[in-house]
Amino acid sequence: MNKLEITNPIREQCFSLPELAEGQVQSVLSALENLISVDNMKGINKIILTGCGDSYFAGIATQEIFKEFSGTFTTSVHRAIDVSRFLDEKTLTKDTLVIVVSASGGAARLVEAVKNANAFGSETLMITNNNTSPAAKLSKYVLVVDTPAVPYATLGLRNYYASLIGLTFTAMKIGIAKGKISENILMDTAEALVKYTLSYENRFEEIDDKMYNLAREWNNLKSYDYIGDGKDRASALFSAAKIVEACGKFTTHDDSEDWCHVNHFLTDSERVGTIIYVDKNEANESRVLETIKQAQGIFRPILIITNNAELKINEGVNICKLPETPKGYEFLYPMLNYIPAAILAGYIAELNKEPYFRGEGSVWDSPGVQTIKTSKIQ
């Protein structure tokens, strides 16, 4: 079988990111130009990032960017249900900006999150691709990322990339308003991000070949286990979500330390595909390498996704080496490092002839079972 015979929307969306990059960055920068009032942002001392699923992961991926560039005292990431049901006036203060991320903006919990934040006097900003959604209509500010539509957009590859861009430059715009950074830093980062995305064009075929061949080996494994630390935790979570949404496969995820305490003890090790993120620029690299050895010791099938071109691992371990970020812009790494695992999920779905999200009209899609949008709003 030729890999082109089982091309798929996930693969195609990943391949489209370099072409999307410059236009997407410019759309976000244009939308931000007059969106955030300098006077209002000067009073913001705390930021809460929230969302559901991929959008929540985007907050994790960019949390450190907010801490570094926004000029606020604290930045935290919360699930939408936490913001909607569990946070109160002690957290949702008037000097807090709640940033709600969602491409569609239709989930009930997102509407609740905005309503709750508004009720306690916090500022609210929605990052979305749909300014007519219920959550967007309730938000004080709405940043429309304006991502062009493609088939199977709900798989989220382009939307996730756009959300990361929206969050990154929102952080920087706030930092400019608060005098933390200059406009030049924002523009240089925009240029670096486009350059970094374009660097994948020359590596896509190599990555694609590796993931296609690995999918043929792994398509009948029992489950898939994803390991990532720090901002790479977001990529591990996003990758795990794709294997469930695309393939319906059982999945787990953890960080490199806790994995050794818990998931290490899963039975049928030889049938648990293990995807491990290694970032050479992070202080945790030595711990991750120990975790890899531990996974090898119990005969796990392993895929390592890394930006370390010099990484040497024992024979039998699959390694996918990624382009490096431009020097000084290492914080952009999670913008794209999820691509190999996403492509792998797309190929496994095709090999198993599995419909995405279990198929339109299936029991998973039936009224009363699927409650993301119909759940009671309180």
Protein backbone atom coordinates (compact mmCIF):
# COMPACT_ATOMS: atom_id res chain seq x y z
CA MET A 1 0.00 0.00 0.00
CA ASN A 2 1.25 3.47 -0.93
CA LYS A 3 0.89 6.17 1.72
CA LEU A 4 -0.75 8.48 -0.81
CA GLU A 5 -3.60 5.97 -1.04
CA ILE A 6 -4.46 6.69 2.57
CA THR A 7 -3.85 10.42 2.71
CA ASN A 8 -6.19 11.97 5.25
CA PRO A 9 -7.48 15.32 6.53
CA ILE A 10 -5.13 15.37 9.53
CA ARG A 11 -2.08 14.92 7.32
CA GLU A 12 -3.37 17.49 4.85
CA GLN A 13 -4.06 20.06 7.59
CA CYS A 14 -0.56 19.58 9.00
CA PHE A 15 0.95 20.06 5.54
CA SER A 16 -1.11 23.25 5.07
CA LEU A 17 0.35 25.08 8.08
CA PRO A 18 3.34 26.67 6.27
CA GLU A 19 0.99 28.07 3.62
CA LEU A 20 -1.36 29.28 6.37
CA ALA A 21 1.33 30.82 8.58
CA GLU A 22 1.91 34.34 7.27
CA GLY A 23 -1.74 35.07 6.57
CA GLN A 24 -2.80 33.70 9.94
CA VAL A 25 -0.24 35.79 11.81
CA GLN A 26 -1.27 38.92 9.92
CA SER A 27 -4.97 38.25 10.58
CA VAL A 28 -4.33 38.00 14.30
CA LEU A 29 -2.11 41.10 14.43
CA SER A 30 -4.67 43.11 12.46
CA ALA A 31 -7.49 41.98 14.72
CA LEU A 32 -5.48 42.91 17.81
CA GLU A 33 -4.52 46.36 16.51
CA ASN A 34 -7.37 48.27 18.13
CA LEU A 35 -8.97 45.54 20.20
CA ILE A 36 -7.36 45.95 23.60
CA SER A 37 -7.60 49.32 25.31
CA VAL A 38 -4.25 50.43 26.70
CA ASP A 39 -5.95 52.08 29.69
CA ASN A 40 -7.94 48.93 30.50
CA MET A 41 -4.94 46.62 30.13
CA LYS A 42 -2.80 48.76 32.44
CA GLY A 43 -5.08 47.72 35.28
CA ILE A 44 -4.82 43.99 34.58
CA ASN A 45 -2.64 42.19 37.12
CA LYS A 46 -3.84 38.61 36.69
CA ILE A 47 -4.69 36.49 33.65
CA ILE A 48 -6.73 33.29 33.56
CA LEU A 49 -6.59 31.16 30.40
CA THR A 50 -9.45 28.74 29.89
CA GLY A 51 -11.09 26.51 27.30
CA CYS A 52 -12.22 22.96 26.61
CA GLY A 53 -10.18 20.20 24.99
CA ASP A 54 -7.66 21.53 22.47
CA SER A 55 -8.32 25.11 23.59
CA TYR A 56 -7.40 24.23 27.17
CA PHE A 57 -4.19 22.62 25.90
CA ALA A 58 -3.38 25.83 23.99
CA GLY A 59 -3.48 27.69 27.30
CA ILE A 60 -0.97 25.25 28.80
CA ALA A 61 1.30 25.65 25.76
CA THR A 62 1.37 29.45 26.04
CA GLN A 63 1.21 29.99 29.80
CA GLU A 64 4.94 30.69 30.03
CA ILE A 65 4.65 33.20 27.17
CA PHE A 66 2.12 35.18 29.20
CA LYS A 67 4.35 35.04 32.26
CA GLU A 68 7.34 36.24 30.25
CA PHE A 69 5.80 38.93 28.06
CA SER A 70 2.43 40.16 29.38
CA GLY A 71 3.69 42.17 32.35
CA THR A 72 1.00 40.75 34.67
CA PHE A 73 1.70 39.35 38.12
CA THR A 74 0.21 35.89 37.62
CA THR A 75 -1.05 33.72 34.77
CA SER A 76 -2.93 30.47 35.40
CA VAL A 77 -4.70 27.91 33.23
CA HIS A 78 -8.05 26.48 34.27
CA ARG A 79 -10.51 24.11 32.66
CA ALA A 80 -13.72 25.82 31.60
CA ILE A 81 -15.79 24.00 34.20
CA ASP A 82 -13.50 25.31 36.94
CA VAL A 83 -14.02 28.90 35.80
CA SER A 84 -17.76 28.38 35.36
CA ARG A 85 -18.59 26.43 38.52
CA PHE A 86 -15.76 26.70 41.07
CA LEU A 87 -14.07 30.12 40.83
CA ASP A 88 -15.59 33.05 42.71
CA GLU A 89 -14.85 36.63 43.77
CA LYS A 90 -11.64 35.53 45.47
CA THR A 91 -10.13 34.66 42.06
CA LEU A 92 -12.30 36.48 39.53
CA THR A 93 -11.33 39.96 40.66
CA LYS A 94 -11.72 43.25 38.80
CA ASP A 95 -8.01 43.30 37.90
CA THR A 96 -8.31 39.86 36.25
CA LEU A 97 -8.54 39.20 32.51
CA VAL A 98 -10.21 35.88 31.67
CA ILE A 99 -9.21 34.72 28.18
CA VAL A 100 -11.60 32.11 26.81
CA VAL A 101 -10.34 30.13 23.82
CA SER A 102 -12.63 28.28 21.42
CA ALA A 103 -12.72 28.11 17.62
CA SER A 104 -16.50 27.60 17.57
CA GLY A 105 -17.48 29.19 20.91
CA GLY A 106 -20.53 26.97 21.20
CA ALA A 107 -19.82 24.81 24.26
CA ALA A 108 -22.14 25.38 27.21
CA ARG A 109 -19.30 25.53 29.76
CA LEU A 110 -17.63 28.34 27.82
CA VAL A 111 -20.81 30.39 27.98
CA GLU A 112 -20.93 29.77 31.72
CA ALA A 113 -17.28 30.70 32.15
CA VAL A 114 -17.80 34.09 30.49
CA LYS A 115 -21.01 34.72 32.43
CA ASN A 116 -19.33 33.87 35.74
CA ALA A 117 -16.30 36.05 35.02
CA ASN A 118 -18.53 38.95 33.98
CA ALA A 119 -20.65 38.57 37.10
CA PHE A 120 -17.65 39.12 39.35
CA GLY A 121 -16.39 42.09 37.35
CA SER A 122 -13.44 40.48 35.56
CA GLU A 123 -12.51 41.54 32.03
CA THR A 124 -13.31 38.88 29.43
CA LEU A 125 -11.65 38.22 26.07
CA MET A 126 -12.74 35.52 23.63
CA ILE A 127 -10.23 34.11 21.10
CA THR A 128 -12.35 32.43 18.44
CA ASN A 129 -13.10 31.87 14.79
CA ASN A 130 -16.79 32.66 15.32
CA ASN A 131 -17.78 36.08 16.60
CA THR A 132 -21.50 35.21 16.56
CA SER A 133 -21.23 32.34 19.06
CA PRO A 134 -23.04 32.59 22.43
CA ALA A 135 -19.74 32.88 24.33
CA ALA A 136 -18.39 35.56 21.97
CA LYS A 137 -21.55 37.66 22.32
CA LEU A 138 -21.10 37.71 26.11
CA SER A 139 -17.37 38.60 26.05
CA LYS A 140 -16.17 42.19 26.43
CA TYR A 141 -13.45 41.70 23.80
CA VAL A 142 -13.52 39.26 20.88
CA LEU A 143 -10.41 38.36 18.90
CA VAL A 144 -11.45 36.66 15.66
CA VAL A 145 -8.46 34.73 14.32
CA ASP A 146 -10.13 34.31 10.90
CA THR A 147 -8.79 30.86 10.02
CA PRO A 148 -9.92 29.80 6.51
CA ALA A 149 -12.30 26.85 6.56
CA VAL A 150 -11.23 23.38 5.41
CA PRO A 151 -12.98 19.98 5.45
CA TYR A 152 -12.96 18.28 8.86
CA ALA A 153 -11.91 21.50 10.57
CA THR A 154 -13.20 20.11 13.89
CA LEU A 155 -10.12 17.86 14.01
CA GLY A 156 -8.47 21.08 15.10
CA LEU A 157 -4.99 21.12 13.55
CA ARG A 158 -5.38 24.53 11.94
CA ASN A 159 -7.61 25.84 14.71
CA TYR A 160 -5.10 24.81 17.37
CA TYR A 161 -2.29 26.54 15.49
CA ALA A 162 -4.44 29.68 15.17
CA SER A 163 -5.33 29.61 18.87
CA LEU A 164 -1.65 29.41 19.79
CA ILE A 165 -0.93 32.41 17.57
CA GLY A 166 -3.86 34.33 19.05
CA LEU A 167 -2.73 33.65 22.61
CA THR A 168 0.94 34.44 21.91
CA PHE A 169 0.31 37.84 20.39
CA THR A 170 -2.42 38.72 22.87
CA ALA A 171 0.19 38.19 25.61
CA MET A 172 2.59 40.48 23.79
CA LYS A 173 -0.03 43.16 23.11
CA ILE A 174 -0.83 43.25 26.81
CA GLY A 175 2.90 43.49 27.54
CA ILE A 176 3.19 46.46 25.18
CA ALA A 177 0.21 48.17 26.84
CA LYS A 178 1.81 47.68 30.26
CA GLY A 179 5.26 48.83 29.12
CA LYS A 180 6.84 45.40 29.58
CA ILE A 181 8.00 44.94 25.97
CA SER A 182 8.29 46.99 22.80
CA GLU A 183 6.34 46.68 19.55
CA ASN A 184 9.61 45.53 17.92
CA ILE A 185 9.67 42.39 20.07
CA LEU A 186 6.17 41.49 18.88
CA MET A 187 7.04 42.04 15.22
CA ASP A 188 10.31 40.11 15.51
CA THR A 189 8.41 37.23 17.11
CA ALA A 190 5.87 37.27 14.28
CA GLU A 191 8.69 37.02 11.75
CA ALA A 192 10.37 34.21 13.74
CA LEU A 193 7.11 32.24 13.96
CA VAL A 194 6.52 32.39 10.21
CA LYS A 195 10.15 31.41 9.58
CA TYR A 196 9.88 28.50 12.02
CA THR A 197 6.67 27.24 10.43
CA LEU A 198 8.14 27.45 6.93
CA SER A 199 11.15 25.39 8.11
CA TYR A 200 8.83 22.38 8.32
CA GLU A 201 8.22 22.40 4.56
CA ASN A 202 11.58 20.76 3.84
CA ARG A 203 11.03 18.16 6.56
CA PHE A 204 7.43 17.14 5.97
CA GLU A 205 8.16 14.23 3.64
CA GLU A 206 10.71 12.76 6.05
CA ILE A 207 8.30 13.12 8.99
CA ASP A 208 5.41 11.80 6.92
CA ASP A 209 7.34 8.71 5.81
CA LYS A 210 8.31 7.91 9.39
CA MET A 211 4.74 8.25 10.66
CA TYR A 212 3.26 6.23 7.80
CA ASN A 213 5.67 3.36 8.40
CA LEU A 214 5.13 3.55 12.14
CA ALA A 215 1.35 3.55 11.70
CA ARG A 216 1.60 0.25 9.81
CA GLU A 217 3.46 -1.21 12.81
CA TRP A 218 1.31 0.38 15.51
CA ASN A 219 -2.21 0.39 14.07
CA ASN A 220 -3.33 -2.62 16.11
CA LEU A 221 -1.74 -1.78 19.44
CA LYS A 222 -3.91 -1.97 22.57
CA SER A 223 -3.40 1.64 23.65
CA TYR A 224 -1.23 4.75 23.31
CA ASP A 225 0.59 6.55 26.13
CA TYR A 226 1.84 10.15 25.77
CA ILE A 227 4.55 11.74 27.93
CA GLY A 228 5.41 15.43 28.02
CA ASP A 229 6.67 17.93 30.61
CA GLY A 230 6.19 21.69 30.96
CA LYS A 231 4.91 23.29 27.76
CA ASP A 232 5.41 19.91 26.01
CA ARG A 233 2.61 18.62 28.24
CA ALA A 234 0.26 20.55 25.98
CA SER A 235 1.57 18.74 22.88
CA ALA A 236 1.24 15.38 24.65
CA LEU A 237 -2.36 16.17 25.61
CA PHE A 238 -3.20 17.43 22.12
CA SER A 239 -1.64 14.32 20.52
CA ALA A 240 -3.57 12.05 22.88
CA ALA A 241 -6.78 13.83 21.94
CA LYS A 242 -6.16 13.21 18.23
CA ILE A 243 -5.68 9.45 18.69
CA VAL A 244 -9.06 9.27 20.45
CA GLU A 245 -10.96 11.62 18.15
CA ALA A 246 -9.53 10.20 14.92
CA CYS A 247 -9.12 6.54 15.83
CA GLY A 248 -11.25 5.87 18.91
CA LYS A 249 -8.20 4.29 20.56
CA PHE A 250 -7.67 4.10 24.32
CA THR A 251 -5.09 6.58 25.54
CA THR A 252 -3.31 7.84 28.64
CA HIS A 253 -0.97 10.77 29.25
CA ASP A 254 1.44 11.88 31.96
CA ASP A 255 4.65 13.75 32.70
CA SER A 256 8.03 12.00 32.77
CA GLU A 257 8.22 11.81 36.57
CA ASP A 258 4.69 10.69 37.37
CA TRP A 259 4.79 8.17 34.51
CA CYS A 260 7.50 6.29 36.40
CA HIS A 261 5.23 6.14 39.46
CA VAL A 262 2.01 5.09 37.68
CA ASN A 263 1.73 4.32 33.94
CA HIS A 264 4.99 2.38 34.03
CA PHE A 265 2.99 -0.45 35.59
CA LEU A 266 0.45 -0.90 32.79
CA THR A 267 0.24 -4.53 31.67
CA ASP A 268 0.85 -5.76 28.09
CA SER A 269 3.76 -3.35 27.71
CA GLU A 270 4.57 -4.61 24.24
CA ARG A 271 1.15 -3.40 23.08
CA VAL A 272 1.25 0.13 24.52
CA GLY A 273 2.62 2.63 22.00
CA THR A 274 4.52 5.27 23.94
CA ILE A 275 5.08 8.75 22.52
CA ILE A 276 7.63 10.84 24.43
CA TYR A 277 8.44 14.51 23.90
CA VAL A 278 12.06 15.59 24.46
CA ASP A 279 13.01 19.28 24.35
CA LYS A 280 16.76 19.84 24.41
CA ASN A 281 16.27 23.39 25.71
CA GLU A 282 14.46 22.37 28.90
CA ALA A 283 15.98 21.48 32.27
CA ASN A 284 14.01 18.22 32.38
CA GLU A 285 15.85 16.54 29.48
CA SER A 286 17.92 14.25 31.71
CA ARG A 287 14.76 13.04 33.49
CA VAL A 288 13.01 12.33 30.21
CA LEU A 289 15.99 10.31 28.98
CA GLU A 290 15.81 8.21 32.17
CA THR A 291 12.11 7.68 31.54
CA ILE A 292 12.87 6.51 28.02
CA LYS A 293 15.29 3.90 29.38
CA GLN A 294 12.66 2.76 31.83
CA ALA A 295 10.12 2.39 29.01
CA GLN A 296 12.68 0.43 26.98
CA GLY A 297 13.25 -1.86 29.94
CA ILE A 298 9.62 -2.98 29.92
CA PHE A 299 9.61 -3.43 26.11
CA ARG A 300 7.34 -0.54 25.23
CA PRO A 301 7.12 0.41 21.54
CA ILE A 302 8.49 3.97 21.63
CA LEU A 303 8.37 7.10 19.49
CA ILE A 304 10.54 10.02 20.58
CA ILE A 305 9.69 13.47 19.20
CA THR A 306 12.58 15.86 19.71
CA ASN A 307 14.44 18.95 18.53
CA ASN A 308 17.76 17.41 19.56
CA ALA A 309 19.53 16.47 16.32
CA GLU A 310 22.33 14.81 18.32
CA LEU A 311 20.11 12.59 20.46
CA LYS A 312 21.39 9.00 20.55
CA ILE A 313 19.04 6.22 21.68
CA ASN A 314 19.43 2.45 21.69
CA GLU A 315 18.40 0.54 18.59
CA GLY A 316 14.73 -0.29 18.29
CA VAL A 317 13.42 3.12 19.37
CA ASN A 318 11.76 5.34 16.76
CA ILE A 319 12.99 8.94 16.72
CA CYS A 320 11.41 11.83 14.85
CA LYS A 321 13.73 14.84 14.82
CA LEU A 322 12.15 18.23 14.25
CA PRO A 323 13.43 21.58 13.01
CA GLU A 324 14.80 23.88 15.69
CA THR A 325 13.21 27.21 16.50
CA PRO A 326 15.10 30.36 15.54
CA LYS A 327 17.67 31.18 18.23
CA GLY A 328 16.12 33.16 21.06
CA TYR A 329 12.59 31.97 20.22
CA GLU A 330 12.62 28.58 21.92
CA PHE A 331 9.22 29.39 23.45
CA LEU A 332 7.69 28.82 19.97
CA TYR A 333 8.57 25.11 19.99
CA PRO A 334 5.10 23.80 21.02
CA MET A 335 3.55 25.72 18.12
CA LEU A 336 4.36 22.77 15.84
CA ASN A 337 5.95 19.82 17.66
CA TYR A 338 2.62 17.96 17.85
CA ILE A 339 2.65 17.46 14.06
CA PRO A 340 4.27 13.98 13.91
CA ALA A 341 1.92 12.44 16.48
CA ALA A 342 -1.08 14.02 14.75
CA ILE A 343 -0.03 12.60 11.37
CA LEU A 344 0.45 9.20 13.03
CA ALA A 345 -3.13 9.35 14.36
CA GLY A 346 -4.44 10.21 10.89
CA TYR A 347 -2.74 7.22 9.30
CA ILE A 348 -3.86 4.82 12.05
CA ALA A 349 -7.45 5.98 11.55
CA GLU A 350 -7.21 5.33 7.82
CA LEU A 351 -5.62 1.91 8.26
CA ASN A 352 -8.40 0.94 10.65
CA LYS A 353 -11.08 2.54 8.46
CA GLU A 354 -12.31 4.38 11.53
CA PRO A 355 -14.60 7.43 11.03
CA TYR A 356 -13.58 10.57 12.91
CA PHE A 357 -15.51 11.16 16.14
CA ARG A 358 -17.12 7.77 15.45
CA GLY A 359 -19.12 9.11 12.53
CA GLU A 360 -21.98 11.48 11.84
CA GLY A 361 -25.28 9.93 12.90
CA SER A 362 -23.58 7.35 15.13
CA VAL A 363 -24.62 6.82 18.76
CA TRP A 364 -21.78 9.17 19.78
CA ASP A 365 -23.45 11.91 17.72
CA SER A 366 -27.05 11.32 18.80
CA PRO A 367 -29.14 13.88 20.72
CA GLY A 368 -29.10 13.34 24.47
CA VAL A 369 -25.74 11.55 24.30
CA GLN A 370 -23.64 14.41 22.97
CA THR A 371 -24.19 17.28 25.45
CA ILE A 372 -21.26 19.64 24.80
CA LYS A 373 -23.56 22.33 23.41
CA THR A 374 -26.85 21.30 25.02
CA SER A 375 -25.72 20.95 28.64
CA LYS A 376 -27.76 23.14 31.00
CA ILE A 377 -26.19 26.57 31.48
CA GLN A 378 -26.26 27.78 35.08
